[in-house]
Amino acid sequence: SNNQIYFYKAMKKVPFVFLILLYVSVFSCGPKKSQNELLKEKVIQVHDEVMPKIGELKSSQEKLNDLAENLEKSSEEEGEEKIRALKAAAEQCENAYDGMFVWMRQFDGDFEDMSEEQTKAYLEEQLEMVGKVKKDILQALEKSEALL
């Protein structure tokens, strides 16, 4: 959707992570980091590992769909299973791509209204969520590479 494309372009201009790191560095008190700050850094780190692969997901999705279309045009009988596999992998890429942006939209780096325990619980949940995003992205790319 257009919204996502706009969001992605805006993201490229102002790295999301830069803003968060700036926020963390301005508000962290002294050199000793709290458990929650370390947890937050871990969440951001997982995001940073796979965010650069986002473009690769989109181009893999397009290549897979193109390949499926070309096979459909050639209408070879034995192509049907391959077409299904290509389309499934393309969908997997799309879902992984969407998953990243859905996660980013709901992630809130501001814990002022939360107690330490609430913040810890929130960040642990976020770490699990972003971990799934990472796994989905890597699996989608692996599947694409196998087919392309």
Protein backbone atom coordinates (compact mmCIF):
# COMPACT_ATOMS: atom_id res chain seq x y z
CA SER A 1 0.00 0.00 0.00
CA ASN A 2 0.98 3.60 -0.55
CA ASN A 3 1.06 4.20 3.15
CA GLN A 4 3.80 1.63 3.60
CA ILE A 5 5.86 2.97 0.75
CA TYR A 6 5.63 6.47 2.19
CA PHE A 7 6.46 5.15 5.65
CA TYR A 8 9.46 3.25 4.31
CA LYS A 9 10.77 6.34 2.47
CA ALA A 10 10.34 8.46 5.57
CA MET A 11 12.14 5.81 7.59
CA LYS A 12 15.12 6.00 5.27
CA LYS A 13 15.44 9.74 5.84
CA VAL A 14 15.41 9.60 9.63
CA PRO A 15 16.76 6.33 10.89
CA PHE A 16 14.30 5.16 13.52
CA VAL A 17 17.11 3.66 15.52
CA PHE A 18 19.11 6.87 15.51
CA LEU A 19 16.18 8.64 17.17
CA ILE A 20 15.86 5.98 19.81
CA LEU A 21 19.60 5.91 20.49
CA LEU A 22 19.59 9.69 20.76
CA TYR A 23 16.70 9.48 23.20
CA VAL A 24 18.44 6.77 25.23
CA SER A 25 21.75 8.65 25.36
CA VAL A 26 20.10 11.91 26.41
CA PHE A 27 18.02 10.36 29.16
CA SER A 28 20.27 7.64 30.51
CA CYS A 29 21.67 8.62 33.84
CA GLY A 30 25.40 8.08 34.06
CA PRO A 31 27.37 5.20 32.64
CA LYS A 32 25.63 2.36 34.49
CA LYS A 33 22.83 0.95 32.40
CA SER A 34 19.72 -0.49 33.95
CA GLN A 35 18.44 -3.97 33.14
CA ASN A 36 15.64 -2.36 31.14
CA GLU A 37 17.97 -0.18 29.08
CA LEU A 38 20.00 -3.25 28.15
CA LEU A 39 16.79 -5.05 27.28
CA LYS A 40 15.69 -2.15 25.10
CA GLU A 41 19.06 -2.15 23.34
CA LYS A 42 18.65 -5.85 22.65
CA VAL A 43 15.24 -5.20 21.06
CA ILE A 44 16.70 -2.45 18.85
CA GLN A 45 19.66 -4.64 17.95
CA VAL A 46 17.39 -7.40 16.62
CA HIS A 47 15.49 -4.78 14.59
CA ASP A 48 18.79 -3.43 13.22
CA GLU A 49 19.97 -6.87 12.15
CA VAL A 50 17.07 -7.45 9.78
CA MET A 51 15.86 -3.98 8.83
CA PRO A 52 18.46 -3.73 6.02
CA LYS A 53 16.98 -6.90 4.48
CA ILE A 54 13.58 -5.28 4.01
CA GLY A 55 14.36 -4.20 0.44
CA GLU A 56 15.57 -7.68 -0.39
CA LEU A 57 12.20 -9.09 0.70
CA LYS A 58 10.34 -6.82 -1.71
CA SER A 59 12.60 -7.59 -4.66
CA SER A 60 12.44 -11.34 -3.92
CA GLN A 61 8.66 -11.11 -3.79
CA GLU A 62 8.60 -9.44 -7.23
CA LYS A 63 11.02 -11.96 -8.76
CA LEU A 64 9.01 -14.89 -7.39
CA ASN A 65 5.74 -13.47 -8.74
CA ASP A 66 7.32 -12.74 -12.15
CA LEU A 67 8.68 -16.26 -12.34
CA ALA A 68 5.27 -17.69 -11.41
CA GLU A 69 3.59 -15.54 -14.10
CA ASN A 70 6.06 -16.64 -16.76
CA LEU A 71 5.50 -20.27 -15.85
CA GLU A 72 1.73 -19.76 -16.02
CA LYS A 73 2.11 -18.31 -19.53
CA SER A 74 4.20 -21.23 -20.70
CA SER A 75 1.39 -23.50 -19.41
CA GLU A 76 3.53 -26.57 -18.88
CA GLU A 77 1.70 -29.26 -16.95
CA GLU A 78 4.54 -29.97 -14.51
CA GLY A 79 4.84 -26.27 -13.75
CA GLU A 80 1.81 -26.14 -11.45
CA GLU A 81 3.55 -27.29 -8.30
CA LYS A 82 6.45 -24.92 -8.93
CA ILE A 83 3.99 -22.05 -9.51
CA ARG A 84 2.29 -22.82 -6.20
CA ALA A 85 5.65 -22.87 -4.41
CA LEU A 86 6.72 -19.57 -5.99
CA LYS A 87 3.46 -17.85 -5.05
CA ALA A 88 3.61 -19.21 -1.51
CA ALA A 89 7.20 -17.94 -1.12
CA ALA A 90 6.20 -14.53 -2.53
CA GLU A 91 3.40 -14.35 0.01
CA GLN A 92 5.83 -15.35 2.76
CA CYS A 93 8.06 -12.42 1.73
CA GLU A 94 5.13 -10.03 1.78
CA ASN A 95 3.97 -11.21 5.21
CA ALA A 96 7.49 -10.90 6.65
CA TYR A 97 7.78 -7.40 5.20
CA ASP A 98 4.42 -6.36 6.64
CA GLY A 99 5.34 -7.96 9.96
CA MET A 100 8.31 -5.64 10.37
CA PHE A 101 6.24 -2.51 9.82
CA VAL A 102 3.39 -3.70 12.00
CA TRP A 103 5.89 -4.32 14.79
CA MET A 104 7.57 -0.94 14.29
CA ARG A 105 4.28 0.93 14.38
CA GLN A 106 3.24 -0.62 17.68
CA PHE A 107 6.66 -0.35 19.36
CA ASP A 108 6.78 2.44 21.92
CA GLY A 109 10.15 3.52 23.25
CA ASP A 110 8.69 5.79 25.90
CA PHE A 111 8.22 4.15 29.29
CA GLU A 112 7.59 7.20 31.48
CA ASP A 113 4.17 6.03 32.62
CA MET A 114 5.34 2.50 33.36
CA SER A 115 6.86 1.04 36.48
CA GLU A 116 10.19 -0.82 36.21
CA GLU A 117 8.33 -4.15 36.28
CA GLN A 118 5.86 -3.06 33.60
CA THR A 119 8.69 -1.79 31.43
CA LYS A 120 10.59 -5.04 31.84
CA ALA A 121 7.51 -7.10 30.94
CA TYR A 122 6.80 -4.87 27.94
CA LEU A 123 10.37 -5.08 26.65
CA GLU A 124 10.51 -8.85 27.11
CA GLU A 125 7.31 -9.14 25.08
CA GLN A 126 8.77 -6.81 22.42
CA LEU A 127 11.96 -8.85 22.28
CA GLU A 128 9.89 -11.95 21.60
CA MET A 129 7.84 -10.14 18.94
CA VAL A 130 10.82 -8.65 17.12
CA GLY A 131 12.52 -12.04 17.36
CA LYS A 132 9.60 -13.55 15.46
CA VAL A 133 9.81 -10.74 12.89
CA LYS A 134 13.51 -11.56 12.40
CA LYS A 135 12.82 -15.29 12.09
CA ASP A 136 10.03 -14.69 9.55
CA ILE A 137 12.26 -12.43 7.45
CA LEU A 138 15.19 -14.85 7.43
CA GLN A 139 12.94 -17.83 6.63
CA ALA A 140 11.21 -15.96 3.78
CA LEU A 141 14.57 -15.00 2.26
CA GLU A 142 15.89 -18.54 2.65
CA LYS A 143 12.82 -19.94 0.90
CA SER A 144 13.17 -17.36 -1.90
CA GLU A 145 16.84 -18.13 -2.45
CA ALA A 146 16.02 -21.82 -2.75
CA LEU A 147 13.48 -21.09 -5.49
CA LEU A 148 15.18 -18.29 -7.42
